[in-house]
């Protein structure tokens, strides 16, 4: 089953850039489809592959920050080719 996941990692601390950059780089290096914009990161792929990756990388990201928030939305379909039609 294909899924699309939107992630927003928000470290609640002064030094927030490095943990976010590290998290995104690890997602990029995984080989799954990753798209980014200034507000969030989207990942696309097979459910088991994506969720296994996210479980590992979210835990590592949380271990590198003192306090943080992660917002995640999951859609059951691959929306990586979405283009607005308006």
PDB file of N, CA and C in Angstrom:
ATOM      1  N   UNK A   1       0.850  -1.177   0.000  1.00  0.00           N
ATOM      2  CA  UNK A   1       0.000   0.000   0.000  1.00  0.00           C
ATOM      3  C   UNK A   1       0.891   1.233   0.000  1.00  0.00           C
ATOM      4  N   UNK A   2       0.614   2.148  -0.896  1.00  0.00           N
ATOM      5  CA  UNK A   2       1.365   3.402  -0.988  1.00  0.00           C
ATOM      6  C   UNK A   2       0.791   4.438  -0.032  1.00  0.00           C
ATOM      7  N   UNK A   3       1.690   5.242   0.559  1.00  0.00           N
ATOM      8  CA  UNK A   3       1.255   6.338   1.424  1.00  0.00           C
ATOM      9  C   UNK A   3       2.053   7.599   1.113  1.00  0.00           C
ATOM     10  N   UNK A   4       1.483   8.721   1.522  1.00  0.00           N
ATOM     11  CA  UNK A   4       2.138  10.022   1.479  1.00  0.00           C
ATOM     12  C   UNK A   4       2.105  10.558   2.895  1.00  0.00           C
ATOM     13  N   UNK A   5       3.244  11.078   3.364  1.00  0.00           N
ATOM     14  CA  UNK A   5       3.334  11.579   4.739  1.00  0.00           C
ATOM     15  C   UNK A   5       3.899  12.992   4.708  1.00  0.00           C
ATOM     16  N   UNK A   6       3.205  13.898   5.390  1.00  0.00           N
ATOM     17  CA  UNK A   6       3.711  15.258   5.554  1.00  0.00           C
ATOM     18  C   UNK A   6       4.216  15.406   6.978  1.00  0.00           C
ATOM     19  N   UNK A   7       5.448  15.900   7.113  1.00  0.00           N
ATOM     20  CA  UNK A   7       6.090  16.030   8.415  1.00  0.00           C
ATOM     21  C   UNK A   7       6.513  17.465   8.660  1.00  0.00           C
ATOM     22  N   UNK A   8       6.293  17.920   9.884  1.00  0.00           N
ATOM     23  CA  UNK A   8       6.830  19.202  10.318  1.00  0.00           C
ATOM     24  C   UNK A   8       7.492  18.981  11.669  1.00  0.00           C
ATOM     25  N   UNK A   9       8.826  19.039  11.689  1.00  0.00           N
ATOM     26  CA  UNK A   9       9.595  18.888  12.923  1.00  0.00           C
ATOM     27  C   UNK A   9       9.891  20.270  13.473  1.00  0.00           C
ATOM     28  N   UNK A  10       9.512  20.498  14.720  1.00  0.00           N
ATOM     29  CA  UNK A  10       9.712  21.798  15.355  1.00  0.00           C
ATOM     30  C   UNK A  10      10.432  21.619  16.680  1.00  0.00           C
ATOM     31  N   UNK A  11      11.755  21.738  16.690  1.00  0.00           N
ATOM     32  CA  UNK A  11      12.459  21.723  17.973  1.00  0.00           C
ATOM     33  C   UNK A  11      12.083  22.980  18.760  1.00  0.00           C
ATOM     34  N   UNK A  12      11.747  22.836  20.013  1.00  0.00           N
ATOM     35  CA  UNK A  12      11.351  23.965  20.859  1.00  0.00           C
ATOM     36  C   UNK A  12      12.551  24.418  21.679  1.00  0.00           C
ATOM     37  N   UNK A  13      13.531  24.943  20.941  1.00  0.00           N
ATOM     38  CA  UNK A  13      14.774  25.380  21.569  1.00  0.00           C
ATOM     39  C   UNK A  13      15.449  26.386  20.649  1.00  0.00           C
ATOM     40  N   UNK A  14      16.461  27.062  21.151  1.00  0.00           N
ATOM     41  CA  UNK A  14      17.145  28.088  20.365  1.00  0.00           C
ATOM     42  C   UNK A  14      17.901  27.523  19.175  1.00  0.00           C
ATOM     43  N   UNK A  15      18.656  26.472  19.357  1.00  0.00           N
ATOM     44  CA  UNK A  15      19.449  25.888  18.270  1.00  0.00           C
ATOM     45  C   UNK A  15      18.602  24.853  17.535  1.00  0.00           C
ATOM     46  N   UNK A  16      17.751  25.330  16.640  1.00  0.00           N
ATOM     47  CA  UNK A  16      16.785  24.434  16.006  1.00  0.00           C
ATOM     48  C   UNK A  16      17.161  24.007  14.587  1.00  0.00           C
ATOM     49  N   UNK A  17      18.050  24.743  13.908  1.00  0.00           N
ATOM     50  CA  UNK A  17      18.320  24.444  12.499  1.00  0.00           C
ATOM     51  C   UNK A  17      19.038  23.112  12.290  1.00  0.00           C
ATOM     52  N   UNK A  18      20.068  22.850  13.048  1.00  0.00           N
ATOM     53  CA  UNK A  18      20.855  21.631  12.846  1.00  0.00           C
ATOM     54  C   UNK A  18      20.034  20.348  12.991  1.00  0.00           C
ATOM     55  N   UNK A  19      19.188  20.209  14.029  1.00  0.00           N
ATOM     56  CA  UNK A  19      18.381  18.986  14.123  1.00  0.00           C
ATOM     57  C   UNK A  19      17.427  18.807  12.935  1.00  0.00           C
ATOM     58  N   UNK A  20      16.870  19.893  12.423  1.00  0.00           N
ATOM     59  CA  UNK A  20      15.957  19.798  11.281  1.00  0.00           C
ATOM     60  C   UNK A  20      16.736  19.384  10.029  1.00  0.00           C
ATOM     61  N   UNK A  21      17.870  20.015   9.795  1.00  0.00           N
ATOM     62  CA  UNK A  21      18.684  19.684   8.623  1.00  0.00           C
ATOM     63  C   UNK A  21      19.142  18.230   8.679  1.00  0.00           C
ATOM     64  N   UNK A  22      19.580  17.786   9.830  1.00  0.00           N
ATOM     65  CA  UNK A  22      20.009  16.397  10.008  1.00  0.00           C
ATOM     66  C   UNK A  22      18.867  15.427   9.708  1.00  0.00           C
ATOM     67  N   UNK A  23      17.686  15.714  10.201  1.00  0.00           N
ATOM     68  CA  UNK A  23      16.510  14.870   9.987  1.00  0.00           C
ATOM     69  C   UNK A  23      16.201  14.768   8.488  1.00  0.00           C
ATOM     70  N   UNK A  24      16.183  15.896   7.794  1.00  0.00           N
ATOM     71  CA  UNK A  24      15.874  15.899   6.369  1.00  0.00           C
ATOM     72  C   UNK A  24      16.954  15.169   5.569  1.00  0.00           C
ATOM     73  N   UNK A  25      18.210  15.372   5.909  1.00  0.00           N
ATOM     74  CA  UNK A  25      19.293  14.678   5.203  1.00  0.00           C
ATOM     75  C   UNK A  25      19.185  13.167   5.344  1.00  0.00           C
ATOM     76  N   UNK A  26      18.813  12.704   6.518  1.00  0.00           N
ATOM     77  CA  UNK A  26      18.651  11.258   6.723  1.00  0.00           C
ATOM     78  C   UNK A  26      17.490  10.717   5.893  1.00  0.00           C
ATOM     79  N   UNK A  27      16.402  11.481   5.807  1.00  0.00           N
ATOM     80  CA  UNK A  27      15.284  11.049   4.967  1.00  0.00           C
ATOM     81  C   UNK A  27      15.710  10.992   3.507  1.00  0.00           C
ATOM     82  N   UNK A  28      16.426  12.015   3.034  1.00  0.00           N
ATOM     83  CA  UNK A  28      16.910  12.043   1.648  1.00  0.00           C
ATOM     84  C   UNK A  28      17.793  10.837   1.342  1.00  0.00           C
ATOM     85  N   UNK A  29      18.662  10.484   2.271  1.00  0.00           N
ATOM     86  CA  UNK A  29      19.623   9.402   2.056  1.00  0.00           C
ATOM     87  C   UNK A  29      18.967   8.022   2.046  1.00  0.00           C
ATOM     88  N   UNK A  30      17.720   7.933   2.437  1.00  0.00           N
ATOM     89  CA  UNK A  30      17.049   6.639   2.560  1.00  0.00           C
ATOM     90  C   UNK A  30      16.668   6.014   1.224  1.00  0.00           C
ATOM     91  N   UNK A  31      16.578   6.823   0.183  1.00  0.00           N
ATOM     92  CA  UNK A  31      16.179   6.296  -1.115  1.00  0.00           C
ATOM     93  C   UNK A  31      14.693   6.406  -1.406  1.00  0.00           C
ATOM     94  N   UNK A  32      13.887   6.791  -0.412  1.00  0.00           N
ATOM     95  CA  UNK A  32      12.467   7.000  -0.693  1.00  0.00           C
ATOM     96  C   UNK A  32      12.285   8.391  -1.292  1.00  0.00           C
ATOM     97  N   UNK A  33      11.124   8.638  -1.886  1.00  0.00           N
ATOM     98  CA  UNK A  33      10.843   9.937  -2.487  1.00  0.00           C
ATOM     99  C   UNK A  33      10.614  10.963  -1.389  1.00  0.00           C
ATOM    100  N   UNK A  34      11.382  12.058  -1.420  1.00  0.00           N
ATOM    101  CA  UNK A  34      11.288  13.127  -0.427  1.00  0.00           C
ATOM    102  C   UNK A  34      11.155  14.451  -1.162  1.00  0.00           C
ATOM    103  N   UNK A  35      10.124  15.223  -0.822  1.00  0.00           N
ATOM    104  CA  UNK A  35       9.940  16.568  -1.351  1.00  0.00           C
ATOM    105  C   UNK A  35       9.887  17.526  -0.179  1.00  0.00           C
ATOM    106  N   UNK A  36      10.446  18.712  -0.363  1.00  0.00           N
ATOM    107  CA  UNK A  36      10.506  19.674   0.733  1.00  0.00           C
ATOM    108  C   UNK A  36       9.970  21.025   0.293  1.00  0.00           C
ATOM    109  N   UNK A  37       9.451  21.756   1.260  1.00  0.00           N
ATOM    110  CA  UNK A  37       9.115  23.160   1.070  1.00  0.00           C
ATOM    111  C   UNK A  37       9.475  23.858   2.385  1.00  0.00           C
ATOM    112  N   UNK A  38       9.346  25.167   2.468  1.00  0.00           N
ATOM    113  CA  UNK A  38       9.778  25.862   3.689  1.00  0.00           C
ATOM    114  C   UNK A  38       9.014  25.467   4.961  1.00  0.00           C
ATOM    115  N   UNK A  39       7.840  24.891   4.825  1.00  0.00           N
ATOM    116  CA  UNK A  39       7.024  24.595   6.002  1.00  0.00           C
ATOM    117  C   UNK A  39       6.975  23.130   6.396  1.00  0.00           C
ATOM    118  N   UNK A  40       7.284  22.224   5.451  1.00  0.00           N
ATOM    119  CA  UNK A  40       7.182  20.808   5.777  1.00  0.00           C
ATOM    120  C   UNK A  40       8.001  19.972   4.808  1.00  0.00           C
ATOM    121  N   UNK A  41       8.083  18.694   5.122  1.00  0.00           N
ATOM    122  CA  UNK A  41       8.755  17.713   4.287  1.00  0.00           C
ATOM    123  C   UNK A  41       7.752  16.605   4.011  1.00  0.00           C
ATOM    124  N   UNK A  42       7.688  16.178   2.770  1.00  0.00           N
ATOM    125  CA  UNK A  42       6.781  15.086   2.404  1.00  0.00           C
ATOM    126  C   UNK A  42       7.607  13.881   1.982  1.00  0.00           C
ATOM    127  N   UNK A  43       7.171  12.701   2.410  1.00  0.00           N
ATOM    128  CA  UNK A  43       7.805  11.452   1.998  1.00  0.00           C
ATOM    129  C   UNK A  43       6.730  10.543   1.416  1.00  0.00           C
ATOM    130  N   UNK A  44       7.140   9.755   0.421  1.00  0.00           N
ATOM    131  CA  UNK A  44       6.194   8.920  -0.324  1.00  0.00           C
ATOM    132  C   UNK A  44       6.791   7.539  -0.515  1.00  0.00           C
ATOM    133  N   UNK A  45       5.953   6.523  -0.401  1.00  0.00           N
ATOM    134  CA  UNK A  45       6.431   5.168  -0.643  1.00  0.00           C
ATOM    135  C   UNK A  45       5.504   4.130  -0.066  1.00  0.00           C
ATOM    136  N   UNK A  46       6.026   2.904   0.007  1.00  0.00           N
ATOM    137  CA  UNK A  46       5.279   1.789   0.573  1.00  0.00           C
ATOM    138  C   UNK A  46       5.128   1.981   2.083  1.00  0.00           C
ATOM    139  N   UNK A  47       3.952   1.686   2.590  1.00  0.00           N
ATOM    140  CA  UNK A  47       3.628   1.917   4.001  1.00  0.00           C
ATOM    141  C   UNK A  47       4.713   1.369   4.935  1.00  0.00           C
ATOM    142  N   UNK A  48       5.025   0.075   4.811  1.00  0.00           N
ATOM    143  CA  UNK A  48       5.972  -0.543   5.748  1.00  0.00           C
ATOM    144  C   UNK A  48       7.348   0.106   5.671  1.00  0.00           C
ATOM    145  N   UNK A  49       7.803   0.412   4.475  1.00  0.00           N
ATOM    146  CA  UNK A  49       9.119   1.034   4.293  1.00  0.00           C
ATOM    147  C   UNK A  49       9.158   2.428   4.907  1.00  0.00           C
ATOM    148  N   UNK A  50       8.151   3.229   4.601  1.00  0.00           N
ATOM    149  CA  UNK A  50       8.105   4.602   5.106  1.00  0.00           C
ATOM    150  C   UNK A  50       7.973   4.624   6.619  1.00  0.00           C
ATOM    151  N   UNK A  51       7.075   3.833   7.165  1.00  0.00           N
ATOM    152  CA  UNK A  51       6.850   3.867   8.608  1.00  0.00           C
ATOM    153  C   UNK A  51       8.046   3.329   9.389  1.00  0.00           C
ATOM    154  N   UNK A  52       8.725   2.317   8.854  1.00  0.00           N
ATOM    155  CA  UNK A  52       9.937   1.806   9.507  1.00  0.00           C
ATOM    156  C   UNK A  52      11.016   2.898   9.533  1.00  0.00           C
ATOM    157  N   UNK A  53      11.192   3.578   8.411  1.00  0.00           N
ATOM    158  CA  UNK A  53      12.158   4.666   8.334  1.00  0.00           C
ATOM    159  C   UNK A  53      11.795   5.786   9.306  1.00  0.00           C
ATOM    160  N   UNK A  54      10.543   6.208   9.296  1.00  0.00           N
ATOM    161  CA  UNK A  54      10.124   7.318  10.153  1.00  0.00           C
ATOM    162  C   UNK A  54      10.264   6.970  11.629  1.00  0.00           C
ATOM    163  N   UNK A  55       9.932   5.760  12.000  1.00  0.00           N
ATOM    164  CA  UNK A  55      10.077   5.344  13.396  1.00  0.00           C
ATOM    165  C   UNK A  55      11.527   5.524  13.851  1.00  0.00           C
ATOM    166  N   UNK A  56      12.460   5.063  13.038  1.00  0.00           N
ATOM    167  CA  UNK A  56      13.885   5.164  13.369  1.00  0.00           C
ATOM    168  C   UNK A  56      14.356   6.618  13.390  1.00  0.00           C
ATOM    169  N   UNK A  57      14.034   7.375  12.339  1.00  0.00           N
ATOM    170  CA  UNK A  57      14.566   8.734  12.219  1.00  0.00           C
ATOM    171  C   UNK A  57      13.911   9.722  13.183  1.00  0.00           C
ATOM    172  N   UNK A  58      12.640   9.542  13.484  1.00  0.00           N
ATOM    173  CA  UNK A  58      11.990  10.412  14.469  1.00  0.00           C
ATOM    174  C   UNK A  58      12.607  10.189  15.849  1.00  0.00           C
ATOM    175  N   UNK A  59      12.837   8.936  16.191  1.00  0.00           N
ATOM    176  CA  UNK A  59      13.460   8.646  17.485  1.00  0.00           C
ATOM    177  C   UNK A  59      14.838   9.296  17.566  1.00  0.00           C
ATOM    178  N   UNK A  60      15.640   9.157  16.516  1.00  0.00           N
ATOM    179  CA  UNK A  60      16.974   9.766  16.518  1.00  0.00           C
ATOM    180  C   UNK A  60      16.892  11.287  16.603  1.00  0.00           C
ATOM    181  N   UNK A  61      15.945  11.889  15.877  1.00  0.00           N
ATOM    182  CA  UNK A  61      15.786  13.353  15.917  1.00  0.00           C
ATOM    183  C   UNK A  61      15.400  13.806  17.320  1.00  0.00           C
ATOM    184  N   UNK A  62      14.492  13.087  17.963  1.00  0.00           N
ATOM    185  CA  UNK A  62      14.069  13.456  19.314  1.00  0.00           C
ATOM    186  C   UNK A  62      15.204  13.293  20.331  1.00  0.00           C
ATOM    187  N   UNK A  63      16.088  12.328  20.096  1.00  0.00           N
ATOM    188  CA  UNK A  63      17.223  12.149  21.005  1.00  0.00           C
ATOM    189  C   UNK A  63      18.221  13.303  20.908  1.00  0.00           C
ATOM    190  N   UNK A  64      18.216  14.033  19.780  1.00  0.00           N
ATOM    191  CA  UNK A  64      19.165  15.122  19.573  1.00  0.00           C
ATOM    192  C   UNK A  64      18.633  16.489  20.018  1.00  0.00           C
ATOM    193  N   UNK A  65      17.380  16.549  20.446  1.00  0.00           N
ATOM    194  CA  UNK A  65      16.811  17.823  20.892  1.00  0.00           C
ATOM    195  C   UNK A  65      16.319  17.695  22.326  1.00  0.00           C
ATOM    196  N   UNK A  66      16.261  18.841  23.017  1.00  0.00           N
ATOM    197  CA  UNK A  66      15.776  18.834  24.398  1.00  0.00           C
ATOM    198  C   UNK A  66      14.256  18.744  24.440  1.00  0.00           C
ATOM    199  N   UNK A  67      13.600  19.555  23.613  1.00  0.00           N
ATOM    200  CA  UNK A  67      12.139  19.586  23.546  1.00  0.00           C
ATOM    201  C   UNK A  67      11.756  19.764  22.091  1.00  0.00           C
ATOM    202  N   UNK A  68      10.678  19.115  21.688  1.00  0.00           N
ATOM    203  CA  UNK A  68      10.290  19.256  20.291  1.00  0.00           C
ATOM    204  C   UNK A  68       8.883  18.760  20.019  1.00  0.00           C
ATOM    205  N   UNK A  69       8.443  19.094  18.841  1.00  0.00           N
ATOM    206  CA  UNK A  69       7.105  18.756  18.382  1.00  0.00           C
ATOM    207  C   UNK A  69       7.225  18.230  16.962  1.00  0.00           C
ATOM    208  N   UNK A  70       6.525  17.151  16.648  1.00  0.00           N
ATOM    209  CA  UNK A  70       6.483  16.643  15.284  1.00  0.00           C
ATOM    210  C   UNK A  70       5.021  16.498  14.883  1.00  0.00           C
ATOM    211  N   UNK A  71       4.656  17.173  13.824  1.00  0.00           N
ATOM    212  CA  UNK A  71       3.306  17.029  13.272  1.00  0.00           C
ATOM    213  C   UNK A  71       3.416  16.125  12.058  1.00  0.00           C
ATOM    214  N   UNK A  72       2.480  15.162  11.958  1.00  0.00           N
ATOM    215  CA  UNK A  72       2.532  14.209  10.860  1.00  0.00           C
ATOM    216  C   UNK A  72       1.123  13.957  10.331  1.00  0.00           C
ATOM    217  N   UNK A  73       0.992  14.025   9.000  1.00  0.00           N
ATOM    218  CA  UNK A  73      -0.262  13.697   8.329  1.00  0.00           C
ATOM    219  C   UNK A  73       0.034  12.549   7.378  1.00  0.00           C
ATOM    220  N   UNK A  74      -0.839  11.545   7.362  1.00  0.00           N
ATOM    221  CA  UNK A  74      -0.651  10.387   6.493  1.00  0.00           C
ATOM    222  C   UNK A  74      -1.862  10.257   5.581  1.00  0.00           C
ATOM    223  N   UNK A  75      -1.596  10.114   4.289  1.00  0.00           N
ATOM    224  CA  UNK A  75      -2.647   9.907   3.293  1.00  0.00           C
ATOM    225  C   UNK A  75      -2.422   8.543   2.663  1.00  0.00           C
ATOM    226  N   UNK A  76      -3.481   7.780   2.524  1.00  0.00           N
ATOM    227  CA  UNK A  76      -3.366   6.454   1.912  1.00  0.00           C
ATOM    228  C   UNK A  76      -3.431   6.586   0.390  1.00  0.00           C
ATOM    229  N   UNK A  77      -2.338   6.986  -0.198  1.00  0.00           N
ATOM    230  CA  UNK A  77      -2.132   7.037  -1.649  1.00  0.00           C
ATOM    231  C   UNK A  77      -0.818   7.761  -1.890  1.00  0.00           C
ATOM    232  N   UNK A  78      -0.267   7.579  -3.066  1.00  0.00           N
ATOM    233  CA  UNK A  78       0.959   8.275  -3.431  1.00  0.00           C
ATOM    234  C   UNK A  78       0.570   9.575  -4.117  1.00  0.00           C
ATOM    235  N   UNK A  79       0.774  10.688  -3.435  1.00  0.00           N
ATOM    236  CA  UNK A  79       0.399  12.014  -3.952  1.00  0.00           C
ATOM    237  C   UNK A  79       1.614  12.784  -4.459  1.00  0.00           C
ATOM    238  N   UNK A  80       2.717  12.090  -4.722  1.00  0.00           N
ATOM    239  CA  UNK A  80       3.952  12.762  -5.109  1.00  0.00           C
ATOM    240  C   UNK A  80       3.858  13.472  -6.457  1.00  0.00           C
ATOM    241  N   UNK A  81       2.939  13.076  -7.300  1.00  0.00           N
ATOM    242  CA  UNK A  81       2.787  13.707  -8.613  1.00  0.00           C
ATOM    243  C   UNK A  81       1.631  14.700  -8.650  1.00  0.00           C
ATOM    244  N   UNK A  82       1.128  15.094  -7.499  1.00  0.00           N
ATOM    245  CA  UNK A  82      -0.013  16.019  -7.441  1.00  0.00           C
ATOM    246  C   UNK A  82       0.324  17.366  -8.079  1.00  0.00           C
ATOM    247  N   UNK A  83      -0.563  17.824  -8.918  1.00  0.00           N
ATOM    248  CA  UNK A  83      -0.469  19.172  -9.489  1.00  0.00           C
ATOM    249  C   UNK A  83      -1.860  19.786  -9.423  1.00  0.00           C
ATOM    250  N   UNK A  84      -1.972  21.016  -8.915  1.00  0.00           N
ATOM    251  CA  UNK A  84      -3.285  21.651  -8.848  1.00  0.00           C
ATOM    252  C   UNK A  84      -3.849  21.858 -10.264  1.00  0.00           C
ATOM    253  N   UNK A  85      -5.153  21.744 -10.383  1.00  0.00           N
ATOM    254  CA  UNK A  85      -5.788  21.927 -11.694  1.00  0.00           C
ATOM    255  C   UNK A  85      -6.643  23.191 -11.732  1.00  0.00           C
ATOM    256  N   UNK A  86      -6.230  24.207 -11.022  1.00  0.00           N
ATOM    257  CA  UNK A  86      -6.967  25.473 -11.029  1.00  0.00           C
ATOM    258  C   UNK A  86      -6.051  26.617 -11.352  1.00  0.00           C
TER     259      UNK A  86
END
